[in-house]
Amino acid sequence: GSCRAQVAGGAYARIAPPTERTYVTAA
């Protein structure tokens, strides 16, 4: 979760689906 960032605007896509180990980010 160190590289989490708040999205102020713009477009993006996930590279791979999350797994059970993936850090859960805010909406």
Full PDB file with SEQRES, HELIX, SHEET, SSBOND, CRYST1, ORIGX, SCALE, CONECT and MASTER records, all heavy atoms in Angstrom:
SEQRES   1 A   27  GLY SER CYS ARG ALA GLN VAL ALA GLY GLY ALA TYR ALA          
SEQRES   2 A   27  ARG ILE ALA PRO PRO THR GLU ARG THR TYR VAL THR ALA          
SEQRES   3 A   27  ALA                                                          
CRYST1    1.000    1.000    1.000  90.00  90.00  90.00 P 1           1          
ORIGX1      1.000000  0.000000  0.000000        0.00000                         
ORIGX2      0.000000  1.000000  0.000000        0.00000                         
ORIGX3      0.000000  0.000000  1.000000        0.00000                         
SCALE1      1.000000  0.000000  0.000000        0.00000                         
SCALE2      0.000000  1.000000  0.000000        0.00000                         
SCALE3      0.000000  0.000000  1.000000        0.00000                         
ATOM      1  N   GLY A   1       0.788  -1.222   0.000  1.00  0.00           N  
ATOM      2  CA  GLY A   1       0.000   0.000   0.000  1.00  0.00           C  
ATOM      3  C   GLY A   1       0.822   1.275   0.000  1.00  0.00           C  
ATOM      4  O   GLY A   1       0.254   2.373   0.018  1.00  0.00           O  
ATOM      5  N   SER A   2       2.146   1.166  -0.030  1.00  0.00           N  
ATOM      6  CA  SER A   2       2.982   2.365   0.018  1.00  0.00           C  
ATOM      7  C   SER A   2       2.746   3.287  -1.175  1.00  0.00           C  
ATOM      8  O   SER A   2       2.811   4.509  -1.041  1.00  0.00           O  
ATOM      9  CB  SER A   2       4.468   1.979   0.078  1.00  0.00           C  
ATOM     10  OG  SER A   2       4.767   1.268   1.258  1.00  0.00           O  
ATOM     11  N   CYS A   3       2.475   2.714  -2.342  1.00  0.00           N  
ATOM     12  CA  CYS A   3       2.340   3.528  -3.560  1.00  0.00           C  
ATOM     13  C   CYS A   3       0.899   3.945  -3.833  1.00  0.00           C  
ATOM     14  O   CYS A   3       0.576   4.371  -4.945  1.00  0.00           O  
ATOM     15  CB  CYS A   3       2.920   2.802  -4.769  1.00  0.00           C  
ATOM     16  SG  CYS A   3       1.965   1.355  -5.313  1.00  0.00           S  
ATOM     17  N   ARG A   4       0.031   3.852  -2.820  1.00  0.00           N  
ATOM     18  CA  ARG A   4      -1.347   4.278  -3.040  1.00  0.00           C  
ATOM     19  C   ARG A   4      -1.402   5.791  -3.265  1.00  0.00           C  
ATOM     20  O   ARG A   4      -0.617   6.547  -2.681  1.00  0.00           O  
ATOM     21  CB  ARG A   4      -2.228   3.892  -1.857  1.00  0.00           C  
ATOM     22  CG  ARG A   4      -1.916   4.595  -0.562  1.00  0.00           C  
ATOM     23  CD  ARG A   4      -2.718   3.993   0.588  1.00  0.00           C  
ATOM     24  NE  ARG A   4      -2.531   4.699   1.840  1.00  0.00           N  
ATOM     25  CZ  ARG A   4      -1.527   4.514   2.678  1.00  0.00           C  
ATOM     26  NH1 ARG A   4      -0.586   3.625   2.362  1.00  0.00           N  
ATOM     27  NH2 ARG A   4      -1.440   5.197   3.799  1.00  0.00           N  
ATOM     28  N   ALA A   5      -2.319   6.209  -4.106  1.00  0.00           N  
ATOM     29  CA  ALA A   5      -2.462   7.624  -4.425  1.00  0.00           C  
ATOM     30  C   ALA A   5      -3.936   7.963  -4.567  1.00  0.00           C  
ATOM     31  O   ALA A   5      -4.724   7.147  -5.066  1.00  0.00           O  
ATOM     32  CB  ALA A   5      -1.728   7.966  -5.720  1.00  0.00           C  
ATOM     33  N   GLN A   6      -4.318   9.150  -4.128  1.00  0.00           N  
ATOM     34  CA  GLN A   6      -5.665   9.639  -4.331  1.00  0.00           C  
ATOM     35  C   GLN A   6      -5.795  10.159  -5.760  1.00  0.00           C  
ATOM     36  O   GLN A   6      -4.914  10.857  -6.255  1.00  0.00           O  
ATOM     37  CB  GLN A   6      -5.990  10.762  -3.350  1.00  0.00           C  
ATOM     38  CG  GLN A   6      -6.097  10.310  -1.908  1.00  0.00           C  
ATOM     39  CD  GLN A   6      -6.422  11.461  -0.972  1.00  0.00           C  
ATOM     40  OE1 GLN A   6      -6.111  12.611  -1.262  1.00  0.00           O  
ATOM     41  NE2 GLN A   6      -7.056  11.157   0.144  1.00  0.00           N  
ATOM     42  N   VAL A   7      -6.870   9.786  -6.424  1.00  0.00           N  
ATOM     43  CA  VAL A   7      -7.102  10.199  -7.803  1.00  0.00           C  
ATOM     44  C   VAL A   7      -7.920  11.493  -7.791  1.00  0.00           C  
ATOM     45  O   VAL A   7      -9.100  11.502  -7.431  1.00  0.00           O  
ATOM     46  CB  VAL A   7      -7.845   9.110  -8.587  1.00  0.00           C  
ATOM     47  CG1 VAL A   7      -8.042   9.547 -10.038  1.00  0.00           C  
ATOM     48  CG2 VAL A   7      -7.067   7.793  -8.527  1.00  0.00           C  
ATOM     49  N   ALA A   8      -7.266  12.591  -8.173  1.00  0.00           N  
ATOM     50  CA  ALA A   8      -7.961  13.871  -8.238  1.00  0.00           C  
ATOM     51  C   ALA A   8      -8.727  14.019  -9.544  1.00  0.00           C  
ATOM     52  O   ALA A   8      -9.635  14.839  -9.649  1.00  0.00           O  
ATOM     53  CB  ALA A   8      -6.961  15.014  -8.067  1.00  0.00           C  
ATOM     54  N   GLY A   9      -8.357  13.210 -10.528  1.00  0.00           N  
ATOM     55  CA  GLY A   9      -9.046  13.247 -11.810  1.00  0.00           C  
ATOM     56  C   GLY A   9      -8.257  12.493 -12.853  1.00  0.00           C  
ATOM     57  O   GLY A   9      -7.048  12.302 -12.719  1.00  0.00           O  
ATOM     58  N   GLY A  10      -8.945  12.014 -13.902  1.00  0.00           N  
ATOM     59  CA  GLY A  10      -8.259  11.336 -14.978  1.00  0.00           C  
ATOM     60  C   GLY A  10      -8.702   9.904 -15.172  1.00  0.00           C  
ATOM     61  O   GLY A  10      -9.656   9.430 -14.537  1.00  0.00           O  
ATOM     62  N   ALA A  11      -7.990   9.206 -16.064  1.00  0.00           N  
ATOM     63  CA  ALA A  11      -8.388   7.857 -16.466  1.00  0.00           C  
ATOM     64  C   ALA A  11      -7.239   6.881 -16.256  1.00  0.00           C  
ATOM     65  O   ALA A  11      -6.082   7.184 -16.542  1.00  0.00           O  
ATOM     66  CB  ALA A  11      -8.814   7.854 -17.929  1.00  0.00           C  
ATOM     67  N   TYR A  12      -7.595   5.671 -15.782  1.00  0.00           N  
ATOM     68  CA  TYR A  12      -6.599   4.631 -15.554  1.00  0.00           C  
ATOM     69  C   TYR A  12      -7.289   3.280 -15.605  1.00  0.00           C  
ATOM     70  O   TYR A  12      -8.525   3.180 -15.577  1.00  0.00           O  
ATOM     71  CB  TYR A  12      -5.901   4.822 -14.207  1.00  0.00           C  
ATOM     72  CG  TYR A  12      -6.810   4.653 -13.012  1.00  0.00           C  
ATOM     73  CD1 TYR A  12      -6.931   3.427 -12.359  1.00  0.00           C  
ATOM     74  CD2 TYR A  12      -7.584   5.713 -12.533  1.00  0.00           C  
ATOM     75  CE1 TYR A  12      -7.782   3.261 -11.281  1.00  0.00           C  
ATOM     76  CE2 TYR A  12      -8.428   5.559 -11.448  1.00  0.00           C  
ATOM     77  CZ  TYR A  12      -8.521   4.326 -10.827  1.00  0.00           C  
ATOM     78  OH  TYR A  12      -9.363   4.169  -9.762  1.00  0.00           O  
ATOM     79  N   ALA A  13      -6.472   2.223 -15.661  1.00  0.00           N  
ATOM     80  CA  ALA A  13      -6.994   0.858 -15.665  1.00  0.00           C  
ATOM     81  C   ALA A  13      -6.062  -0.031 -14.871  1.00  0.00           C  
ATOM     82  O   ALA A  13      -4.847   0.208 -14.817  1.00  0.00           O  
ATOM     83  CB  ALA A  13      -7.123   0.342 -17.095  1.00  0.00           C  
ATOM     84  N   ARG A  14      -6.622  -1.070 -14.248  1.00  0.00           N  
ATOM     85  CA  ARG A  14      -5.802  -2.037 -13.540  1.00  0.00           C  
ATOM     86  C   ARG A  14      -5.039  -2.890 -14.541  1.00  0.00           C  
ATOM     87  O   ARG A  14      -5.537  -3.205 -15.619  1.00  0.00           O  
ATOM     88  CB  ARG A  14      -6.662  -2.935 -12.660  1.00  0.00           C  
ATOM     89  CG  ARG A  14      -7.214  -2.258 -11.407  1.00  0.00           C  
ATOM     90  CD  ARG A  14      -7.702  -3.322 -10.424  1.00  0.00           C  
ATOM     91  NE  ARG A  14      -6.616  -4.195  -9.996  1.00  0.00           N  
ATOM     92  CZ  ARG A  14      -5.836  -3.975  -8.928  1.00  0.00           C  
ATOM     93  NH1 ARG A  14      -6.035  -2.919  -8.179  1.00  0.00           N  
ATOM     94  NH2 ARG A  14      -4.873  -4.818  -8.622  1.00  0.00           N  
ATOM     95  N   ILE A  15      -3.836  -3.271 -14.171  1.00  0.00           N  
ATOM     96  CA  ILE A  15      -3.028  -4.140 -15.021  1.00  0.00           C  
ATOM     97  C   ILE A  15      -3.440  -5.592 -14.827  1.00  0.00           C  
ATOM     98  O   ILE A  15      -3.443  -6.385 -15.768  1.00  0.00           O  
ATOM     99  CB  ILE A  15      -1.530  -3.943 -14.697  1.00  0.00           C  
ATOM    100  CG1 ILE A  15      -1.106  -2.517 -15.053  1.00  0.00           C  
ATOM    101  CG2 ILE A  15      -0.670  -4.961 -15.438  1.00  0.00           C  
ATOM    102  CD1 ILE A  15       0.298  -2.176 -14.615  1.00  0.00           C  
ATOM    103  N   ALA A  16      -3.776  -5.958 -13.597  1.00  0.00           N  
ATOM    104  CA  ALA A  16      -4.194  -7.331 -13.284  1.00  0.00           C  
ATOM    105  C   ALA A  16      -5.246  -7.257 -12.187  1.00  0.00           C  
ATOM    106  O   ALA A  16      -5.270  -6.296 -11.410  1.00  0.00           O  
ATOM    107  CB  ALA A  16      -2.999  -8.164 -12.828  1.00  0.00           C  
ATOM    108  N   PRO A  17      -6.120  -8.250 -12.104  1.00  0.00           N  
ATOM    109  CA  PRO A  17      -7.142  -8.239 -11.056  1.00  0.00           C  
ATOM    110  C   PRO A  17      -6.501  -8.389  -9.684  1.00  0.00           C  
ATOM    111  O   PRO A  17      -5.438  -9.003  -9.544  1.00  0.00           O  
ATOM    112  CB  PRO A  17      -8.034  -9.434 -11.401  1.00  0.00           C  
ATOM    113  CG  PRO A  17      -7.157 -10.334 -12.213  1.00  0.00           C  
ATOM    114  CD  PRO A  17      -6.259  -9.427 -12.985  1.00  0.00           C  
ATOM    115  N   PRO A  18      -7.121  -7.846  -8.639  1.00  0.00           N  
ATOM    116  CA  PRO A  18      -6.566  -7.977  -7.286  1.00  0.00           C  
ATOM    117  C   PRO A  18      -6.618  -9.419  -6.802  1.00  0.00           C  
ATOM    118  O   PRO A  18      -7.424 -10.227  -7.272  1.00  0.00           O  
ATOM    119  CB  PRO A  18      -7.469  -7.067  -6.448  1.00  0.00           C  
ATOM    120  CG  PRO A  18      -8.748  -7.001  -7.212  1.00  0.00           C  
ATOM    121  CD  PRO A  18      -8.367  -7.072  -8.659  1.00  0.00           C  
ATOM    122  N   THR A  19      -5.745  -9.737  -5.868  1.00  0.00           N  
ATOM    123  CA  THR A  19      -5.714 -11.054  -5.240  1.00  0.00           C  
ATOM    124  C   THR A  19      -5.996 -10.883  -3.754  1.00  0.00           C  
ATOM    125  O   THR A  19      -6.184  -9.765  -3.262  1.00  0.00           O  
ATOM    126  CB  THR A  19      -4.345 -11.731  -5.428  1.00  0.00           C  
ATOM    127  OG1 THR A  19      -3.365 -11.025  -4.638  1.00  0.00           O  
ATOM    128  CG2 THR A  19      -3.925 -11.693  -6.897  1.00  0.00           C  
ATOM    129  N   GLU A  20      -5.986 -11.988  -3.026  1.00  0.00           N  
ATOM    130  CA  GLU A  20      -6.232 -11.914  -1.587  1.00  0.00           C  
ATOM    131  C   GLU A  20      -5.120 -11.188  -0.861  1.00  0.00           C  
ATOM    132  O   GLU A  20      -5.287 -10.737   0.284  1.00  0.00           O  
ATOM    133  CB  GLU A  20      -6.375 -13.322  -1.010  1.00  0.00           C  
ATOM    134  CG  GLU A  20      -5.140 -14.196  -1.157  1.00  0.00           C  
ATOM    135  CD  GLU A  20      -5.311 -15.565  -0.545  1.00  0.00           C  
ATOM    136  OE1 GLU A  20      -6.452 -15.927  -0.199  1.00  0.00           O  
ATOM    137  OE2 GLU A  20      -4.292 -16.283  -0.420  1.00  0.00           O  
ATOM    138  N   ARG A  21      -3.964 -11.029  -1.509  1.00  0.00           N  
ATOM    139  CA  ARG A  21      -2.847 -10.329  -0.886  1.00  0.00           C  
ATOM    140  C   ARG A  21      -2.816  -8.842  -1.229  1.00  0.00           C  
ATOM    141  O   ARG A  21      -2.029  -8.088  -0.655  1.00  0.00           O  
ATOM    142  CB  ARG A  21      -1.524 -10.948  -1.332  1.00  0.00           C  
ATOM    143  CG  ARG A  21      -1.315 -12.381  -0.844  1.00  0.00           C  
ATOM    144  CD  ARG A  21       0.074 -12.857  -1.200  1.00  0.00           C  
ATOM    145  NE  ARG A  21       0.358 -14.166  -0.630  1.00  0.00           N  
ATOM    146  CZ  ARG A  21       1.527 -14.777  -0.714  1.00  0.00           C  
ATOM    147  NH1 ARG A  21       2.527 -14.195  -1.358  1.00  0.00           N  
ATOM    148  NH2 ARG A  21       1.710 -15.959  -0.165  1.00  0.00           N  
ATOM    149  N   THR A  22      -3.626  -8.408  -2.167  1.00  0.00           N  
ATOM    150  CA  THR A  22      -3.584  -7.027  -2.619  1.00  0.00           C  
ATOM    151  C   THR A  22      -4.068  -6.073  -1.532  1.00  0.00           C  
ATOM    152  O   THR A  22      -5.072  -6.328  -0.865  1.00  0.00           O  
ATOM    153  CB  THR A  22      -4.452  -6.850  -3.875  1.00  0.00           C  
ATOM    154  OG1 THR A  22      -3.973  -7.727  -4.904  1.00  0.00           O  
ATOM    155  CG2 THR A  22      -4.375  -5.418  -4.385  1.00  0.00           C  
ATOM    156  N   TYR A  23      -3.335  -4.975  -1.373  1.00  0.00           N  
ATOM    157  CA  TYR A  23      -3.742  -3.929  -0.431  1.00  0.00           C  
ATOM    158  C   TYR A  23      -5.076  -3.351  -0.890  1.00  0.00           C  
ATOM    159  O   TYR A  23      -5.260  -3.034  -2.072  1.00  0.00           O  
ATOM    160  CB  TYR A  23      -2.682  -2.827  -0.396  1.00  0.00           C  
ATOM    161  CG  TYR A  23      -3.001  -1.692   0.538  1.00  0.00           C  
ATOM    162  CD1 TYR A  23      -2.568  -1.709   1.860  1.00  0.00           C  
ATOM    163  CD2 TYR A  23      -3.734  -0.591   0.106  1.00  0.00           C  
ATOM    164  CE1 TYR A  23      -2.848  -0.670   2.729  1.00  0.00           C  
ATOM    165  CE2 TYR A  23      -4.025   0.461   0.963  1.00  0.00           C  
ATOM    166  CZ  TYR A  23      -3.573   0.418   2.263  1.00  0.00           C  
ATOM    167  OH  TYR A  23      -3.866   1.456   3.114  1.00  0.00           O  
ATOM    168  N   VAL A  24      -6.011  -3.201   0.036  1.00  0.00           N  
ATOM    169  CA  VAL A  24      -7.344  -2.683  -0.293  1.00  0.00           C  
ATOM    170  C   VAL A  24      -7.326  -1.161  -0.181  1.00  0.00           C  
ATOM    171  O   VAL A  24      -7.141  -0.607   0.912  1.00  0.00           O  
ATOM    172  CB  VAL A  24      -8.416  -3.277   0.639  1.00  0.00           C  
ATOM    173  CG1 VAL A  24      -9.785  -2.706   0.293  1.00  0.00           C  
ATOM    174  CG2 VAL A  24      -8.431  -4.795   0.517  1.00  0.00           C  
ATOM    175  N   THR A  25      -7.510  -0.484  -1.291  1.00  0.00           N  
ATOM    176  CA  THR A  25      -7.491   0.973  -1.317  1.00  0.00           C  
ATOM    177  C   THR A  25      -8.878   1.540  -1.054  1.00  0.00           C  
ATOM    178  O   THR A  25      -9.892   0.840  -1.155  1.00  0.00           O  
ATOM    179  CB  THR A  25      -7.007   1.477  -2.684  1.00  0.00           C  
ATOM    180  OG1 THR A  25      -7.875   0.960  -3.707  1.00  0.00           O  
ATOM    181  CG2 THR A  25      -5.581   1.018  -2.961  1.00  0.00           C  
ATOM    182  N   ALA A  26      -8.910   2.831  -0.737  1.00  0.00           N  
ATOM    183  CA  ALA A  26     -10.181   3.540  -0.613  1.00  0.00           C  
ATOM    184  C   ALA A  26     -10.786   3.726  -2.004  1.00  0.00           C  
ATOM    185  O   ALA A  26     -10.115   3.522  -3.032  1.00  0.00           O  
ATOM    186  CB  ALA A  26      -9.967   4.883   0.070  1.00  0.00           C  
ATOM    187  N   ALA A  27     -12.049   4.133  -2.045  1.00  0.00           N  
ATOM    188  CA  ALA A  27     -12.754   4.253  -3.322  1.00  0.00           C  
ATOM    189  C   ALA A  27     -12.107   5.269  -4.252  1.00  0.00           C  
ATOM    190  O   ALA A  27     -12.188   5.136  -5.488  1.00  0.00           O  
ATOM    191  CB  ALA A  27     -14.213   4.633  -3.065  1.00  0.00           C  
TER     192      ALA A  27                                                      
MASTER        0    0    0    0    0    0    0    6  191    1    0    3          
END                                                                             
